[in-house]
C-alpha cells in the first residue's frame, strides 16, 4: 500500500520529463558507469542525458527517430 513517504520518494515533479533520473537516482547509478578508457578520446557525451533518453524511449515506446525535436533535448543529449 502506498504511504505518504513512498509517494514522496516516487515524486517526479520538477523533472523535464517524468522518465528523467532524479539526483538521488543518479547518485546510485553514477558509480556503476565505467570511466572512459585511458588513452582513448575524451568522453564527449553526458552519460546521464544518454540514460535519460534511453528511459524516455522505454517509457513512451517511441522510436529513436521519434525523439522530441526540441533543440535543447537533442543538444543536451548529443553534446552533454
N, C-alpha and C. Protein backbone atom coordinates (compact mmCIF):
# COMPACT_ATOMS: atom_id res chain seq x y z
N UNK A 1 0.83 -1.18 0.00
CA UNK A 1 0.00 0.00 0.00
C UNK A 1 0.88 1.24 0.00
N UNK A 2 0.52 2.21 -0.82
CA UNK A 2 1.29 3.45 -0.90
C UNK A 2 1.03 4.30 0.33
N UNK A 3 2.10 4.69 0.95
CA UNK A 3 2.02 5.60 2.10
C UNK A 3 2.60 6.94 1.68
N UNK A 4 2.33 8.00 2.44
CA UNK A 4 2.84 9.32 2.05
C UNK A 4 4.35 9.36 1.81
N UNK A 5 5.12 8.65 2.62
CA UNK A 5 6.58 8.67 2.42
C UNK A 5 6.99 7.97 1.13
N UNK A 6 6.22 6.96 0.71
CA UNK A 6 6.51 6.29 -0.57
C UNK A 6 6.17 7.20 -1.73
N UNK A 7 5.06 7.92 -1.61
CA UNK A 7 4.67 8.84 -2.68
C UNK A 7 5.71 9.95 -2.83
N UNK A 8 6.24 10.45 -1.72
CA UNK A 8 7.27 11.49 -1.80
C UNK A 8 8.54 10.96 -2.47
N UNK A 9 8.90 9.72 -2.17
CA UNK A 9 10.10 9.13 -2.77
C UNK A 9 9.93 8.91 -4.28
N UNK A 10 8.70 8.67 -4.72
CA UNK A 10 8.43 8.41 -6.14
C UNK A 10 8.03 9.69 -6.88
N UNK A 11 8.09 10.82 -6.23
CA UNK A 11 7.70 12.09 -6.83
C UNK A 11 8.56 12.41 -8.05
N UNK A 12 7.94 12.75 -9.16
CA UNK A 12 8.66 13.07 -10.40
C UNK A 12 8.52 14.55 -10.75
N UNK A 13 7.94 15.34 -9.87
CA UNK A 13 7.73 16.75 -10.14
C UNK A 13 9.07 17.49 -10.23
N UNK A 14 9.14 18.45 -11.11
CA UNK A 14 10.36 19.23 -11.24
C UNK A 14 11.33 18.70 -12.30
N UNK A 15 11.01 17.56 -12.87
CA UNK A 15 11.85 16.99 -13.92
C UNK A 15 11.32 17.44 -15.28
N UNK A 16 12.20 17.58 -16.24
CA UNK A 16 11.76 18.00 -17.58
C UNK A 16 10.82 16.95 -18.17
N UNK A 17 11.17 15.68 -18.04
CA UNK A 17 10.32 14.58 -18.47
C UNK A 17 10.18 13.63 -17.27
N UNK A 18 9.02 13.00 -17.10
CA UNK A 18 8.84 12.09 -15.97
C UNK A 18 9.81 10.92 -15.97
N UNK A 19 10.37 10.58 -17.13
CA UNK A 19 11.29 9.45 -17.22
C UNK A 19 12.72 9.82 -16.83
N UNK A 20 13.01 11.11 -16.65
CA UNK A 20 14.37 11.54 -16.31
C UNK A 20 14.77 11.04 -14.93
N UNK A 21 16.07 10.87 -14.76
CA UNK A 21 16.61 10.45 -13.46
C UNK A 21 16.59 11.62 -12.48
N UNK A 22 16.21 11.32 -11.25
CA UNK A 22 16.33 12.33 -10.20
C UNK A 22 17.78 12.35 -9.75
N UNK A 23 18.15 13.37 -8.99
CA UNK A 23 19.52 13.44 -8.48
C UNK A 23 19.84 12.23 -7.59
N UNK A 24 18.86 11.81 -6.80
CA UNK A 24 19.07 10.65 -5.94
C UNK A 24 19.29 9.37 -6.73
N UNK A 25 18.52 9.19 -7.79
CA UNK A 25 18.71 8.01 -8.64
C UNK A 25 20.06 8.05 -9.34
N UNK A 26 20.45 9.24 -9.78
CA UNK A 26 21.74 9.38 -10.47
C UNK A 26 22.90 9.06 -9.52
N UNK A 27 22.80 9.46 -8.26
CA UNK A 27 23.90 9.16 -7.32
C UNK A 27 24.04 7.66 -7.09
N UNK A 28 22.95 6.91 -7.26
CA UNK A 28 23.04 5.45 -7.14
C UNK A 28 23.65 4.82 -8.40
N UNK A 29 23.34 5.37 -9.56
CA UNK A 29 23.77 4.78 -10.83
C UNK A 29 25.18 5.22 -11.23
N UNK A 30 25.52 6.46 -10.95
CA UNK A 30 26.80 7.02 -11.43
C UNK A 30 28.02 6.18 -11.10
N UNK A 31 28.16 5.63 -9.87
CA UNK A 31 29.35 4.82 -9.59
C UNK A 31 29.45 3.55 -10.45
N UNK A 32 28.35 3.11 -11.03
CA UNK A 32 28.36 1.89 -11.84
C UNK A 32 28.79 2.16 -13.28
N UNK A 33 28.86 3.43 -13.67
CA UNK A 33 29.26 3.79 -15.03
C UNK A 33 30.78 3.75 -15.10
N UNK A 34 31.28 2.97 -16.02
CA UNK A 34 32.74 2.88 -16.13
C UNK A 34 33.31 4.17 -16.71
N UNK A 35 34.49 4.50 -16.29
CA UNK A 35 35.17 5.70 -16.80
C UNK A 35 35.60 5.47 -18.24
N UNK A 36 35.83 6.56 -18.94
CA UNK A 36 36.34 6.46 -20.31
C UNK A 36 37.69 5.75 -20.28
N UNK A 37 37.97 4.99 -21.31
CA UNK A 37 39.21 4.22 -21.34
C UNK A 37 40.42 5.15 -21.40
N UNK A 38 41.45 4.76 -20.70
CA UNK A 38 42.70 5.53 -20.68
C UNK A 38 43.36 5.46 -22.05
N UNK A 39 43.83 6.60 -22.51
CA UNK A 39 44.49 6.65 -23.79
C UNK A 39 43.53 6.87 -24.96
N UNK A 40 42.25 6.78 -24.69
CA UNK A 40 41.27 6.98 -25.75
C UNK A 40 40.81 8.43 -25.80
N UNK A 41 39.82 8.65 -26.61
CA UNK A 41 39.26 10.00 -26.71
C UNK A 41 38.50 10.35 -25.44
N UNK A 42 38.47 11.63 -25.17
CA UNK A 42 37.72 12.13 -24.03
C UNK A 42 36.24 11.89 -24.30
N UNK A 43 35.49 11.49 -23.28
CA UNK A 43 34.07 11.25 -23.44
C UNK A 43 33.38 12.58 -23.70
N UNK A 44 32.66 12.67 -24.79
CA UNK A 44 32.04 13.92 -25.19
C UNK A 44 30.55 13.99 -24.88
N UNK A 45 29.96 12.89 -24.45
CA UNK A 45 28.53 12.88 -24.15
C UNK A 45 28.31 12.89 -22.65
N UNK A 46 27.20 13.43 -22.25
CA UNK A 46 26.79 13.41 -20.86
C UNK A 46 26.04 12.10 -20.64
N UNK A 47 26.62 11.19 -19.89
CA UNK A 47 26.06 9.85 -19.72
C UNK A 47 24.68 9.92 -19.08
N UNK A 48 24.49 10.85 -18.17
CA UNK A 48 23.17 10.98 -17.54
C UNK A 48 22.10 11.33 -18.57
N UNK A 49 22.42 12.21 -19.51
CA UNK A 49 21.45 12.58 -20.55
C UNK A 49 21.20 11.42 -21.51
N UNK A 50 22.21 10.60 -21.77
CA UNK A 50 22.01 9.42 -22.61
C UNK A 50 21.05 8.46 -21.91
N UNK A 51 21.25 8.24 -20.60
CA UNK A 51 20.34 7.38 -19.85
C UNK A 51 18.93 7.97 -19.82
N UNK A 52 18.83 9.29 -19.66
CA UNK A 52 17.51 9.92 -19.69
C UNK A 52 16.81 9.65 -21.02
N UNK A 53 17.55 9.73 -22.12
CA UNK A 53 16.97 9.47 -23.44
C UNK A 53 16.54 8.01 -23.57
N UNK A 54 17.36 7.10 -23.05
CA UNK A 54 17.01 5.67 -23.10
C UNK A 54 15.74 5.42 -22.30
N UNK A 55 15.67 5.99 -21.09
CA UNK A 55 14.47 5.80 -20.26
C UNK A 55 13.25 6.45 -20.89
N UNK A 56 13.45 7.55 -21.60
CA UNK A 56 12.35 8.22 -22.31
C UNK A 56 11.78 7.28 -23.38
N UNK A 57 12.67 6.68 -24.15
CA UNK A 57 12.23 5.77 -25.21
C UNK A 57 11.54 4.56 -24.60
N UNK A 58 12.10 4.02 -23.52
CA UNK A 58 11.49 2.85 -22.89
C UNK A 58 10.13 3.17 -22.29
N UNK A 59 9.99 4.34 -21.70
CA UNK A 59 8.72 4.67 -21.03
C UNK A 59 7.63 5.09 -22.01
N UNK A 60 8.00 5.69 -23.13
CA UNK A 60 7.00 6.15 -24.09
C UNK A 60 6.78 5.16 -25.22
N UNK A 61 7.72 4.28 -25.42
CA UNK A 61 7.60 3.33 -26.51
C UNK A 61 7.89 3.94 -27.87
N UNK A 62 8.45 5.14 -27.88
CA UNK A 62 8.72 5.78 -29.17
C UNK A 62 10.04 5.26 -29.74
N UNK A 63 10.21 5.46 -31.02
CA UNK A 63 11.44 5.06 -31.69
C UNK A 63 12.48 6.16 -31.53
N UNK A 64 13.75 5.82 -31.70
CA UNK A 64 14.81 6.82 -31.60
C UNK A 64 14.56 7.98 -32.56
N UNK A 65 14.06 7.65 -33.75
CA UNK A 65 13.80 8.69 -34.74
C UNK A 65 12.66 9.60 -34.31
N UNK A 66 11.83 9.14 -33.37
CA UNK A 66 10.67 9.92 -32.93
C UNK A 66 10.97 10.73 -31.67
N UNK A 67 12.24 10.82 -31.28
CA UNK A 67 12.57 11.64 -30.11
C UNK A 67 12.14 13.08 -30.36
N UNK A 68 11.82 13.82 -29.30
CA UNK A 68 11.36 15.20 -29.49
C UNK A 68 12.38 16.01 -30.29
N UNK A 69 11.87 16.84 -31.16
CA UNK A 69 12.74 17.68 -31.96
C UNK A 69 13.09 18.97 -31.23
N UNK A 70 12.85 18.98 -29.94
CA UNK A 70 13.22 20.11 -29.11
C UNK A 70 14.75 20.26 -29.19
N UNK A 71 15.26 21.38 -29.68
CA UNK A 71 16.71 21.54 -29.83
C UNK A 71 17.46 21.38 -28.51
N UNK A 72 16.87 21.81 -27.41
CA UNK A 72 17.55 21.66 -26.12
C UNK A 72 17.72 20.19 -25.76
N UNK A 73 16.71 19.38 -26.02
CA UNK A 73 16.77 17.96 -25.70
C UNK A 73 17.88 17.28 -26.50
N UNK A 74 17.88 17.51 -27.81
CA UNK A 74 18.89 16.86 -28.65
C UNK A 74 20.28 17.42 -28.39
N UNK A 75 20.39 18.72 -28.14
CA UNK A 75 21.68 19.33 -27.85
C UNK A 75 22.25 18.75 -26.56
N UNK A 76 21.43 18.65 -25.54
CA UNK A 76 21.90 18.11 -24.26
C UNK A 76 22.28 16.64 -24.41
N UNK A 77 21.54 15.92 -25.23
CA UNK A 77 21.84 14.51 -25.42
C UNK A 77 23.15 14.31 -26.17
N UNK A 78 23.32 15.05 -27.25
CA UNK A 78 24.49 14.83 -28.11
C UNK A 78 25.76 15.50 -27.60
N UNK A 79 25.63 16.64 -26.96
CA UNK A 79 26.82 17.38 -26.55
C UNK A 79 27.11 17.30 -25.06
N UNK A 80 26.14 16.87 -24.28
CA UNK A 80 26.32 16.76 -22.84
C UNK A 80 26.30 18.07 -22.23
